[in-house]
N, C-alpha and C. Protein backbone atom coordinates (compact mmCIF):
# COMPACT_ATOMS: atom_id res chain seq x y z
N MET A 1 190.12 32.40 119.65
CA MET A 1 191.45 32.82 119.68
C MET A 1 192.43 31.39 119.23
N ILE A 2 193.64 31.79 119.08
CA ILE A 2 194.73 30.37 118.59
C ILE A 2 195.58 30.96 119.78
N ASN A 3 195.53 29.82 120.60
CA ASN A 3 196.55 30.00 121.40
C ASN A 3 197.41 28.28 121.57
N ASP A 4 196.95 27.53 120.69
CA ASP A 4 197.75 26.44 120.36
C ASP A 4 199.23 26.52 119.70
N THR A 5 199.83 25.88 121.00
CA THR A 5 201.47 26.53 120.48
C THR A 5 202.03 25.57 119.17
N SER A 6 201.63 24.62 119.18
CA SER A 6 201.53 23.60 117.97
C SER A 6 201.33 24.44 116.38
N CYS A 7 200.75 25.56 116.34
CA CYS A 7 200.07 26.36 115.42
C CYS A 7 201.30 26.34 114.30
N GLY A 8 202.60 26.73 114.42
CA GLY A 8 204.09 26.94 113.63
C GLY A 8 204.49 28.13 114.59
N PRO A 9 205.59 28.20 113.15
CA PRO A 9 206.47 29.72 113.51
C PRO A 9 205.31 31.04 113.44
N VAL A 10 205.46 31.91 114.50
CA VAL A 10 204.62 33.01 114.55
C VAL A 10 205.69 34.25 114.45
N ALA A 11 204.98 35.30 113.76
CA ALA A 11 205.71 36.15 113.28
C ALA A 11 205.37 37.28 114.35
N ILE A 12 206.74 38.26 114.96
CA ILE A 12 206.48 39.48 115.76
C ILE A 12 206.52 41.00 115.62
N ILE A 13 205.27 41.37 115.35
CA ILE A 13 205.28 42.55 114.49
C ILE A 13 205.36 43.71 115.71
N GLY A 14 206.78 44.39 115.43
CA GLY A 14 207.30 45.29 116.90
C GLY A 14 208.58 44.78 116.64
N ALA A 15 209.81 45.83 117.33
CA ALA A 15 210.79 45.51 117.86
C ALA A 15 211.20 45.94 118.73
N GLY A 16 210.24 46.54 119.44
CA GLY A 16 210.74 47.65 120.64
C GLY A 16 210.66 46.50 122.34
N ASP A 17 210.69 47.13 123.43
CA ASP A 17 210.67 46.35 124.74
C ASP A 17 209.41 45.81 124.70
N HIS A 18 208.36 46.37 124.20
CA HIS A 18 207.03 45.50 124.57
C HIS A 18 207.67 44.45 123.59
N ALA A 19 207.88 44.42 122.22
CA ALA A 19 208.30 42.79 121.69
C ALA A 19 208.73 42.13 122.28
N ALA A 20 209.80 42.38 122.96
CA ALA A 20 211.34 41.85 123.54
C ALA A 20 210.51 41.02 125.20
N VAL A 21 209.35 41.82 125.46
CA VAL A 21 208.79 41.19 126.47
C VAL A 21 207.78 40.52 126.28
N VAL A 22 206.63 40.19 124.96
CA VAL A 22 206.15 39.33 124.52
C VAL A 22 206.99 37.97 123.90
N ALA A 23 207.54 38.10 123.57
CA ALA A 23 208.62 37.48 123.03
C ALA A 23 209.06 36.21 123.91
N GLY A 24 209.81 36.79 125.22
CA GLY A 24 209.88 36.07 126.12
C GLY A 24 208.85 35.31 127.25
N THR A 25 207.22 35.79 126.71
CA THR A 25 205.73 35.23 127.37
C THR A 25 205.55 34.43 126.22
N MET A 26 206.38 34.64 124.91
CA MET A 26 206.05 33.06 124.18
C MET A 26 207.05 32.09 124.31
N LEU A 27 208.06 32.64 124.51
CA LEU A 27 209.27 30.74 125.08
C LEU A 27 208.69 30.42 125.95
N GLN A 28 208.01 31.66 127.24
CA GLN A 28 207.48 30.94 128.29
C GLN A 28 206.10 29.68 127.79
N THR A 29 205.32 30.18 126.96
CA THR A 29 204.46 29.29 126.57
C THR A 29 204.48 28.35 125.86
N GLY A 30 205.79 27.99 124.88
CA GLY A 30 206.41 27.14 124.09
C GLY A 30 205.97 27.45 122.34
N PHE A 31 205.48 28.50 122.54
CA PHE A 31 205.44 29.19 121.04
C PHE A 31 206.81 29.08 120.50
N GLN A 32 206.78 28.87 118.93
CA GLN A 32 207.87 28.74 118.01
C GLN A 32 207.72 30.23 117.56
N ILE A 33 209.01 30.96 117.31
CA ILE A 33 209.13 32.14 117.21
C ILE A 33 209.62 32.24 116.12
N ASP A 34 209.47 32.90 114.47
CA ASP A 34 209.69 32.88 113.43
C ASP A 34 210.61 34.10 113.35
N GLY A 35 210.81 35.46 114.07
CA GLY A 35 211.36 36.57 114.12
C GLY A 35 210.61 37.69 114.40
N PHE A 36 211.07 39.16 114.26
CA PHE A 36 210.59 40.12 114.09
C PHE A 36 210.71 41.14 113.24
N TYR A 37 209.37 41.92 112.66
CA TYR A 37 209.26 42.31 111.40
C TYR A 37 209.14 44.16 112.65
N ALA A 38 209.66 45.01 111.71
CA ALA A 38 209.39 46.39 111.95
C ALA A 38 209.78 47.24 111.32
N ASP A 39 209.11 48.36 111.51
CA ASP A 39 209.92 49.84 110.20
C ASP A 39 211.23 50.49 111.16
N ASP A 40 211.59 50.44 112.10
CA ASP A 40 212.41 50.71 112.82
C ASP A 40 213.97 50.27 112.01
N LEU A 41 214.14 50.63 110.76
CA LEU A 41 215.24 50.28 110.26
C LEU A 41 216.97 49.90 110.70
N PRO A 42 217.22 50.95 111.98
CA PRO A 42 218.27 50.36 112.08
C PRO A 42 218.40 49.16 113.28
N LYS A 43 217.25 48.74 113.83
CA LYS A 43 216.89 47.25 114.28
C LYS A 43 216.73 46.44 113.29
N ILE A 44 216.69 46.41 112.07
CA ILE A 44 216.67 45.59 111.43
C ILE A 44 218.63 44.86 111.36
N GLY A 45 218.23 43.24 111.46
CA GLY A 45 219.56 42.40 111.14
C GLY A 45 220.03 42.31 112.64
N THR A 46 219.54 42.84 113.76
CA THR A 46 219.70 42.83 114.97
C THR A 46 219.01 41.64 115.75
N GLU A 47 219.24 41.44 116.82
CA GLU A 47 218.78 40.11 117.42
C GLU A 47 218.19 40.82 118.78
N ILE A 48 216.81 40.26 118.99
CA ILE A 48 216.04 40.33 120.49
C ILE A 48 216.14 38.59 120.95
N LEU A 49 216.46 38.17 122.16
CA LEU A 49 216.20 37.45 122.71
C LEU A 49 216.68 36.21 121.88
N GLY A 50 217.99 36.65 120.89
CA GLY A 50 218.34 35.63 120.05
C GLY A 50 217.82 35.46 119.00
N PHE A 51 216.67 36.30 118.63
CA PHE A 51 216.06 35.83 117.14
C PHE A 51 216.02 37.19 116.14
N PRO A 52 216.06 37.20 115.41
CA PRO A 52 216.54 38.29 114.58
C PRO A 52 215.37 39.01 114.03
N VAL A 53 215.86 40.46 113.82
CA VAL A 53 214.70 41.06 113.67
C VAL A 53 215.07 40.64 111.80
N LYS A 54 214.03 40.59 111.16
CA LYS A 54 214.08 40.04 109.70
C LYS A 54 214.12 41.02 108.37
N GLY A 55 213.25 42.03 108.94
CA GLY A 55 212.99 43.10 107.96
C GLY A 55 211.45 43.89 108.54
N THR A 56 210.93 44.63 107.14
CA THR A 56 210.26 45.68 107.29
C THR A 56 208.84 44.79 107.67
N ILE A 57 208.05 45.51 108.22
CA ILE A 57 206.77 44.89 108.29
C ILE A 57 206.07 44.91 106.90
N ASP A 58 205.84 45.75 105.86
CA ASP A 58 205.89 45.36 104.70
C ASP A 58 206.88 43.47 103.95
N SER A 59 207.82 43.86 104.31
CA SER A 59 208.43 42.76 104.14
C SER A 59 207.61 41.11 104.68
N LEU A 60 207.15 40.81 105.04
CA LEU A 60 206.28 40.00 105.46
C LEU A 60 205.50 39.40 104.64
N ASP A 61 205.36 38.22 104.43
CA ASP A 61 204.68 37.44 103.27
C ASP A 61 203.70 36.26 104.12
N PRO A 62 202.74 36.54 103.89
CA PRO A 62 201.59 35.48 104.79
C PRO A 62 201.83 34.79 103.88
N ALA A 63 201.88 34.45 102.68
CA ALA A 63 202.39 32.95 102.24
C ALA A 63 203.13 32.13 103.21
N GLU A 64 204.15 32.81 103.24
CA GLU A 64 205.46 32.14 104.14
C GLU A 64 205.19 31.82 105.91
N ILE A 65 204.67 32.86 106.16
CA ILE A 65 204.21 33.21 107.70
C ILE A 65 203.38 33.17 107.85
N ARG A 66 201.93 32.46 108.74
CA ARG A 66 200.39 32.34 108.46
C ARG A 66 200.07 33.04 109.65
N TYR A 67 201.03 33.06 111.08
CA TYR A 67 201.02 33.12 112.36
C TYR A 67 201.45 34.27 112.78
N GLY A 68 200.93 35.13 113.65
CA GLY A 68 201.47 36.69 114.10
C GLY A 68 201.11 37.20 115.08
N VAL A 69 201.83 37.93 115.60
CA VAL A 69 200.96 38.94 117.17
C VAL A 69 201.86 39.93 116.86
N ILE A 70 200.99 41.37 117.54
CA ILE A 70 201.32 42.49 117.19
C ILE A 70 201.88 42.81 118.58
N ALA A 71 203.26 43.40 118.40
CA ALA A 71 204.06 43.66 120.03
C ALA A 71 204.02 45.32 119.79
N ILE A 72 203.35 45.38 120.20
CA ILE A 72 203.36 47.26 119.82
C ILE A 72 202.78 47.93 120.75
N GLY A 73 203.04 48.58 121.61
CA GLY A 73 202.33 49.40 122.89
C GLY A 73 201.42 50.43 122.17
N SER A 74 200.89 50.69 121.25
CA SER A 74 199.97 51.84 120.75
C SER A 74 198.83 51.24 120.19
N ASN A 75 197.88 51.82 121.18
CA ASN A 75 196.86 50.75 120.51
C ASN A 75 196.16 51.09 119.37
N GLU A 76 196.64 52.66 118.75
CA GLU A 76 195.74 52.60 117.48
C GLU A 76 196.90 51.86 116.37
N ALA A 77 198.46 51.89 116.78
CA ALA A 77 199.22 50.96 115.58
C ALA A 77 198.51 49.63 115.58
N ARG A 78 197.99 49.19 116.96
CA ARG A 78 197.95 47.68 116.49
C ARG A 78 196.50 47.88 116.29
N LYS A 79 195.54 48.17 115.73
CA LYS A 79 194.01 48.29 114.84
C LYS A 79 194.77 48.42 113.87
N ALA A 80 195.92 49.38 113.33
CA ALA A 80 196.09 49.67 112.08
C ALA A 80 196.44 48.42 111.23
N LEU A 81 197.56 47.97 111.90
CA LEU A 81 198.12 46.57 111.17
C LEU A 81 197.11 45.53 111.46
N SER A 82 196.45 45.31 112.48
CA SER A 82 195.38 44.20 112.37
C SER A 82 194.57 44.25 110.98
N GLU A 83 194.21 45.56 110.88
CA GLU A 83 193.36 45.81 109.88
C GLU A 83 193.81 45.36 108.43
N SER A 84 195.08 46.01 108.30
CA SER A 84 196.10 45.53 106.95
C SER A 84 196.80 44.56 106.86
N LEU A 85 197.16 43.61 107.85
CA LEU A 85 197.79 41.91 107.77
C LEU A 85 196.86 41.12 107.32
N ALA A 86 197.17 40.36 106.61
CA ALA A 86 196.21 38.83 106.16
C ALA A 86 196.46 37.98 107.03
N LEU A 87 196.95 38.16 108.42
CA LEU A 87 197.76 36.77 109.39
C LEU A 87 196.47 36.52 110.19
N ASN A 88 196.98 35.47 110.69
CA ASN A 88 196.03 34.35 111.98
C ASN A 88 196.57 34.97 113.50
N TRP A 89 195.91 35.41 113.82
CA TRP A 89 196.49 36.04 115.21
C TRP A 89 196.11 35.04 116.48
N VAL A 90 197.60 35.18 116.94
CA VAL A 90 197.48 34.43 117.74
C VAL A 90 197.57 34.81 119.10
N THR A 91 196.97 34.28 120.27
CA THR A 91 196.37 34.78 121.41
C THR A 91 197.86 34.59 122.54
N VAL A 92 198.49 35.40 123.34
CA VAL A 92 199.36 34.75 124.12
C VAL A 92 199.42 35.05 125.60
N ILE A 93 199.39 33.92 126.25
CA ILE A 93 198.80 34.50 128.06
C ILE A 93 199.81 33.24 128.34
N HIS A 94 200.60 34.52 129.70
CA HIS A 94 201.63 33.90 130.11
C HIS A 94 201.60 32.74 130.75
N PRO A 95 202.02 31.71 131.31
CA PRO A 95 201.74 30.17 132.10
C PRO A 95 201.43 30.38 133.64
N SER A 96 201.67 31.75 134.06
CA SER A 96 201.21 32.10 135.55
C SER A 96 199.91 32.65 135.23
N VAL A 97 199.24 33.25 134.43
CA VAL A 97 197.71 33.83 134.33
C VAL A 97 196.97 32.59 134.69
N ILE A 98 196.11 33.40 135.98
CA ILE A 98 195.24 32.66 135.89
C ILE A 98 193.61 33.05 135.53
N LEU A 99 193.07 31.89 134.60
CA LEU A 99 191.52 32.65 133.88
C LEU A 99 190.55 31.23 134.63
N LEU A 100 189.91 32.53 135.26
CA LEU A 100 188.76 31.33 135.54
C LEU A 100 187.81 30.91 134.90
N PRO A 101 187.05 30.03 135.09
CA PRO A 101 185.96 29.73 134.40
C PRO A 101 184.87 30.95 133.61
N ASP A 102 184.84 30.50 132.76
CA ASP A 102 184.23 31.07 131.73
C ASP A 102 184.27 32.57 131.49
N SER A 103 185.91 32.88 131.14
CA SER A 103 186.40 33.85 131.19
C SER A 103 186.83 33.61 129.27
N GLU A 104 187.04 34.62 128.57
CA GLU A 104 187.27 34.58 127.43
C GLU A 104 188.47 35.48 126.82
N VAL A 105 189.19 35.27 126.32
CA VAL A 105 190.66 36.16 125.73
C VAL A 105 190.75 36.14 123.95
N GLY A 106 190.40 37.34 123.15
CA GLY A 106 190.26 37.48 122.09
C GLY A 106 191.70 37.58 121.28
N PRO A 107 191.07 36.85 119.77
CA PRO A 107 192.77 36.97 119.00
C PRO A 107 193.63 38.37 119.05
N GLY A 108 194.98 37.61 118.92
CA GLY A 108 196.03 38.95 118.92
C GLY A 108 196.08 39.55 120.53
N THR A 109 195.34 38.79 121.13
CA THR A 109 195.40 39.91 122.70
C THR A 109 197.15 39.32 123.19
N VAL A 110 197.66 39.99 124.36
CA VAL A 110 198.27 39.45 125.17
C VAL A 110 198.40 39.62 126.42
N VAL A 111 198.18 38.62 127.21
CA VAL A 111 198.02 38.51 128.69
C VAL A 111 198.97 38.05 129.17
N LEU A 112 200.25 38.90 130.58
CA LEU A 112 201.64 39.10 130.65
C LEU A 112 201.39 38.56 132.33
N ALA A 113 201.96 38.21 132.63
CA ALA A 113 202.91 37.19 133.63
C ALA A 113 201.98 37.71 135.26
N GLY A 114 201.27 36.59 135.70
CA GLY A 114 200.78 37.12 137.22
C GLY A 114 199.47 38.05 137.33
N SER A 115 198.83 37.93 135.98
CA SER A 115 197.37 38.66 136.09
C SER A 115 196.42 37.78 136.53
N ILE A 116 195.24 37.89 136.56
CA ILE A 116 194.28 37.07 136.95
C ILE A 116 192.82 37.71 136.09
N LEU A 117 192.17 37.16 135.48
CA LEU A 117 191.31 37.03 134.68
C LEU A 117 189.70 36.36 135.57
N ASP A 118 188.71 37.30 136.42
CA ASP A 118 187.73 36.61 137.04
C ASP A 118 186.60 35.51 136.54
N VAL A 119 185.85 35.43 136.85
CA VAL A 119 184.95 34.44 136.12
C VAL A 119 183.87 35.61 135.45
N GLY A 120 183.47 35.06 134.29
CA GLY A 120 183.07 35.44 133.17
C GLY A 120 183.18 36.75 132.31
N SER A 121 184.71 37.39 132.78
CA SER A 121 185.26 38.12 132.32
C SER A 121 185.57 38.03 130.89
N ARG A 122 185.11 39.08 129.54
CA ARG A 122 185.59 39.13 128.42
C ARG A 122 186.61 40.01 127.87
N VAL A 123 187.94 39.54 127.19
CA VAL A 123 188.56 40.32 126.81
C VAL A 123 188.93 40.52 125.44
N GLY A 124 188.51 41.46 124.72
CA GLY A 124 188.57 41.91 123.22
C GLY A 124 190.00 41.19 122.33
N SER A 125 190.12 41.61 121.24
CA SER A 125 191.12 41.01 120.39
C SER A 125 192.21 42.48 120.49
N HIS A 126 193.22 41.75 120.43
CA HIS A 126 194.67 42.83 119.98
C HIS A 126 194.77 43.80 121.40
N THR A 127 194.57 43.05 122.57
CA THR A 127 194.40 44.04 123.60
C THR A 127 195.66 43.63 124.85
N ILE A 128 196.55 44.47 125.61
CA ILE A 128 197.37 44.33 126.41
C ILE A 128 196.91 44.18 127.56
N ILE A 129 196.62 43.18 128.17
CA ILE A 129 196.78 42.97 129.48
C ILE A 129 198.32 43.03 130.36
N ASN A 130 198.51 43.87 131.11
CA ASN A 130 199.95 43.76 131.70
C ASN A 130 199.97 43.11 132.69
N ALA A 131 201.30 43.07 132.98
CA ALA A 131 201.68 42.00 134.09
C ALA A 131 201.17 42.47 135.51
N MET A 132 200.78 41.59 136.45
CA MET A 132 199.89 41.60 137.68
C MET A 132 198.56 42.68 137.15
N SER A 133 198.12 42.49 136.25
CA SER A 133 196.68 43.08 136.57
C SER A 133 195.78 41.94 137.08
N GLY A 134 194.61 42.58 137.57
CA GLY A 134 193.49 42.53 138.05
C GLY A 134 192.28 42.61 137.18
N ILE A 135 191.68 41.93 136.60
CA ILE A 135 190.24 41.52 136.40
C ILE A 135 189.06 40.85 136.52
N GLY A 136 188.23 41.91 137.06
CA GLY A 136 187.08 41.61 138.23
C GLY A 136 186.37 40.66 137.51
N HIS A 137 185.54 39.99 137.98
CA HIS A 137 184.34 39.01 137.40
C HIS A 137 183.45 40.07 136.93
N HIS A 138 183.17 39.25 135.42
CA HIS A 138 182.11 40.11 134.44
C HIS A 138 182.40 41.07 133.96
N CYS A 139 183.90 41.50 133.76
CA CYS A 139 183.96 42.47 133.25
C CYS A 139 184.37 42.29 131.38
N HIS A 140 183.97 43.35 130.86
CA HIS A 140 184.25 43.76 129.34
C HIS A 140 185.37 44.96 128.73
N ILE A 141 186.18 43.98 128.39
CA ILE A 141 187.15 44.93 127.75
C ILE A 141 187.29 44.83 126.41
N GLY A 142 187.18 46.09 125.98
CA GLY A 142 187.13 45.91 124.39
C GLY A 142 188.53 45.69 123.83
N ASP A 143 188.63 45.43 122.23
CA ASP A 143 189.36 45.73 121.11
C ASP A 143 190.62 46.83 121.66
N TYR A 144 191.47 46.57 121.20
CA TYR A 144 192.72 47.37 121.60
C TYR A 144 193.19 48.37 122.11
N VAL A 145 192.58 47.40 123.78
CA VAL A 145 192.63 48.44 124.93
C VAL A 145 194.25 48.22 125.08
N HIS A 146 194.56 48.99 126.20
CA HIS A 146 195.59 48.52 127.04
C HIS A 146 195.75 48.80 128.21
N VAL A 147 195.74 47.34 129.09
CA VAL A 147 195.54 47.58 130.69
C VAL A 147 197.17 47.76 131.08
N GLY A 148 197.58 48.65 132.25
CA GLY A 148 198.99 48.86 132.46
C GLY A 148 198.61 47.97 133.60
N GLN A 149 198.57 47.14 134.54
CA GLN A 149 199.10 46.55 136.07
C GLN A 149 198.08 47.69 136.51
N ALA A 150 196.94 47.22 136.29
CA ALA A 150 195.79 48.12 136.83
C ALA A 150 195.40 47.23 137.76
N ALA A 151 194.27 47.83 138.24
CA ALA A 151 192.89 46.93 139.16
C ALA A 151 191.70 47.71 138.43
N VAL A 152 191.03 46.39 137.81
CA VAL A 152 189.63 46.66 137.16
C VAL A 152 189.19 45.93 137.57
N SER A 153 187.60 46.46 138.74
CA SER A 153 186.86 46.21 139.17
C SER A 153 185.38 45.26 138.65
N SER A 154 184.91 44.38 139.26
CA SER A 154 183.54 43.82 139.01
C SER A 154 182.59 44.47 138.29
N ASN A 155 182.38 43.81 136.75
CA ASN A 155 181.36 44.59 135.89
C ASN A 155 181.49 45.81 135.50
N THR A 156 182.97 46.00 135.23
CA THR A 156 183.21 47.24 134.18
C THR A 156 183.54 46.91 133.21
N HIS A 157 183.50 48.03 132.19
CA HIS A 157 183.24 48.17 130.84
C HIS A 157 184.19 49.10 130.25
N ILE A 158 185.11 48.45 129.63
CA ILE A 158 186.46 49.35 129.11
C ILE A 158 186.13 48.82 127.42
N GLY A 159 185.82 50.72 126.82
CA GLY A 159 185.76 50.47 125.61
C GLY A 159 186.70 50.39 124.58
N GLN A 160 186.63 49.78 123.39
CA GLN A 160 187.76 50.00 122.38
C GLN A 160 189.20 51.15 122.57
N GLY A 161 190.13 50.70 122.28
CA GLY A 161 191.29 51.58 122.22
C GLY A 161 191.15 52.34 123.85
N ALA A 162 190.84 52.08 124.80
CA ALA A 162 190.77 52.97 126.02
C ALA A 162 192.49 52.63 126.25
N PHE A 163 192.89 53.35 127.09
CA PHE A 163 194.45 52.59 127.74
C PHE A 163 193.89 53.42 129.19
N VAL A 164 194.37 52.11 130.07
CA VAL A 164 194.11 52.26 131.66
C VAL A 164 195.88 52.36 132.10
N GLY A 165 195.95 53.19 132.70
CA GLY A 165 197.58 53.54 132.70
C GLY A 165 197.77 52.51 134.48
N GLN A 166 199.03 52.52 134.45
CA GLN A 166 199.84 52.10 135.61
C GLN A 166 199.43 52.33 137.17
N SER A 167 198.61 51.08 137.83
CA SER A 167 198.76 51.31 139.69
C SER A 167 197.14 51.96 139.48
N SER A 168 196.20 51.98 138.15
CA SER A 168 195.19 52.81 138.61
C SER A 168 194.00 52.19 138.87
N THR A 169 193.16 52.60 139.25
CA THR A 169 191.61 51.43 140.18
C THR A 169 190.91 51.95 139.44
N ILE A 170 189.54 50.95 138.67
CA ILE A 170 188.44 51.37 137.85
C ILE A 170 187.38 50.60 138.75
N LEU A 171 186.70 51.44 139.34
CA LEU A 171 186.00 50.66 140.30
C LEU A 171 184.38 50.10 139.74
N PRO A 172 183.78 49.48 140.72
CA PRO A 172 182.72 48.39 139.95
C PRO A 172 181.51 49.02 139.32
N ARG A 173 181.20 48.10 137.87
CA ARG A 173 179.79 48.91 137.27
C ARG A 173 180.38 50.33 136.66
N VAL A 174 181.97 50.64 136.49
CA VAL A 174 182.22 51.84 135.98
C VAL A 174 182.05 51.64 134.34
N ARG A 175 182.21 52.86 133.47
CA ARG A 175 182.42 52.40 131.80
C ARG A 175 183.59 53.39 131.76
N VAL A 176 184.44 53.21 130.74
CA VAL A 176 185.50 53.91 130.30
C VAL A 176 185.41 53.59 128.99
N GLY A 177 185.23 54.98 128.55
CA GLY A 177 184.49 55.16 127.24
C GLY A 177 185.87 54.66 126.04
N GLU A 178 184.88 54.90 125.17
CA GLU A 178 186.44 54.12 123.73
C GLU A 178 187.23 55.31 123.51
N TRP A 179 188.65 54.92 123.43
CA TRP A 179 189.49 55.40 123.48
C TRP A 179 189.86 56.90 123.84
N ALA A 180 189.59 56.27 125.42
CA ALA A 180 189.70 57.16 126.66
C ALA A 180 191.36 57.02 127.09
N THR A 181 191.58 57.53 128.45
CA THR A 181 192.51 57.37 128.86
C THR A 181 192.95 57.55 130.39
N VAL A 182 192.87 56.74 131.19
CA VAL A 182 192.99 56.83 132.63
C VAL A 182 194.45 57.03 133.22
N GLY A 183 194.93 57.77 133.52
CA GLY A 183 196.42 58.30 134.26
C GLY A 183 196.83 57.23 135.46
N ALA A 184 197.93 57.04 134.92
CA ALA A 184 198.83 56.63 136.32
C ALA A 184 198.08 56.54 137.82
N GLY A 185 197.69 55.64 138.14
CA GLY A 185 197.52 55.70 139.84
C GLY A 185 196.27 56.61 140.07
N ALA A 186 195.55 56.70 138.80
CA ALA A 186 194.04 57.18 138.99
C ALA A 186 192.65 56.12 139.88
N LEU A 187 191.87 56.99 140.47
CA LEU A 187 191.09 56.19 141.13
C LEU A 187 189.61 56.49 140.17
N VAL A 188 189.31 55.71 139.59
CA VAL A 188 187.83 56.20 138.85
C VAL A 188 186.60 55.67 139.59
N ASN A 189 186.02 56.55 140.00
CA ASN A 189 184.79 56.28 140.17
C ASN A 189 183.50 56.64 139.71
N LYS A 190 183.41 56.97 138.62
CA LYS A 190 182.46 57.34 137.63
C LYS A 190 183.04 56.83 136.25
N ASP A 191 181.98 57.19 135.25
CA ASP A 191 182.14 56.70 134.06
C ASP A 191 183.03 57.74 133.78
N VAL A 192 183.84 57.33 132.40
CA VAL A 192 184.94 58.48 131.48
C VAL A 192 184.28 58.19 130.58
N PRO A 193 183.95 59.59 129.78
CA PRO A 193 183.23 59.98 128.72
C PRO A 193 184.51 59.15 127.42
N PRO A 194 184.25 59.10 126.27
CA PRO A 194 184.58 58.63 124.84
C PRO A 194 185.71 59.58 124.85
N GLY A 195 186.89 59.59 124.73
CA GLY A 195 188.03 60.38 124.51
C GLY A 195 188.87 61.24 125.49
N ASP A 196 187.95 60.84 127.01
CA ASP A 196 188.57 62.00 127.65
C ASP A 196 189.69 61.22 128.59
N THR A 197 190.25 62.24 128.64
CA THR A 197 191.73 61.85 129.72
C THR A 197 191.27 62.18 131.35
N VAL A 198 191.43 61.08 131.86
CA VAL A 198 191.06 61.55 133.44
C VAL A 198 192.60 61.10 133.97
N ILE A 199 192.48 62.03 135.56
CA ILE A 199 193.69 61.28 136.52
C ILE A 199 193.09 62.09 138.04
N GLY A 200 193.84 61.54 138.62
CA GLY A 200 193.81 62.16 140.16
C GLY A 200 193.06 60.95 141.06
N LEU A 201 192.60 61.71 142.63
CA LEU A 201 191.95 60.87 143.07
C LEU A 201 190.90 61.68 143.51
N PRO A 202 189.49 61.48 143.36
CA PRO A 202 189.44 60.94 142.54
C PRO A 202 189.31 61.29 141.33
N ALA A 203 189.45 60.68 140.14
CA ALA A 203 189.72 61.04 138.58
C ALA A 203 188.92 61.85 138.40
N LYS A 204 189.79 63.09 137.62
CA LYS A 204 188.76 64.23 136.73
C LYS A 204 189.49 64.23 135.27
N SER A 205 188.55 64.80 134.79
CA SER A 205 188.67 64.86 133.29
C SER A 205 189.74 66.44 132.90
N ILE A 206 190.66 66.01 132.28
CA ILE A 206 191.77 67.14 132.10
C ILE A 206 191.95 67.32 130.86
N ALA A 207 191.26 66.52 129.81
CA ALA A 207 191.36 66.62 128.44
C ALA A 207 190.58 65.66 127.42
N LYS A 208 190.13 66.20 126.07
CA LYS A 208 189.65 65.34 125.20
C LYS A 208 190.10 65.16 123.93
N ARG A 209 189.94 64.07 123.56
CA ARG A 209 190.23 63.92 122.39
C ARG A 209 189.16 63.26 121.16
N SER A 210 189.63 63.47 119.69
CA SER A 210 188.37 62.43 119.19
C SER A 210 188.66 61.48 119.22
N THR A 211 187.52 60.53 118.75
CA THR A 211 186.85 58.77 118.71
C THR A 211 187.40 58.40 117.35
N ARG A 212 187.97 59.02 116.41
CA ARG A 212 187.13 58.80 115.08
C ARG A 212 187.79 57.41 114.67
N LEU A 213 188.91 57.27 115.10
CA LEU A 213 189.86 55.54 115.11
C LEU A 213 188.59 54.69 115.48
N SER A 214 187.16 54.55 116.42
CA SER A 214 186.35 53.90 116.76
C SER A 214 185.66 53.50 115.61
């Protein structure tokens, strides 16, 4: 991962609310921000936290700006952009985050304020660990995951592209499949198949989608 704040200006891909949160985290961390790039045309020429929305994503020139972070909430969008843009992806970790020994965070991932990654936890690339989340010891969180202020217990495996909703709890040794969705406030006490959406206490499946993105 690249979390050396002396790496040079960093392009923020996205210009929504999550991009503002990522920018604020970067300022707290000490990164140098180049500006924002987004395909939301009305936002081009505006500012976020005093930094310009400079142009569309296609207008970003990797020969001029070498470093970037994708600040878009959609797991699918982060996957597509990470595969199409030739940038060096920085890892953004708020100074208040507790990283215990032998924990790892992949490139392009954002870990927001107050979260804890316990011993032996592994977080993949381009994943969002939202503020005040708890990742238990020896968990594996895949690429393009979004954990929304949730409690992920020890030895849990969360597959690529999964979404874990706010205030949900994943019990120990549970596996959440690729591109699955855990609804807000759910209590997950058994494995969630790939592509399933689960809600409730305890969580039960209510829908299933394709996992072709994985």
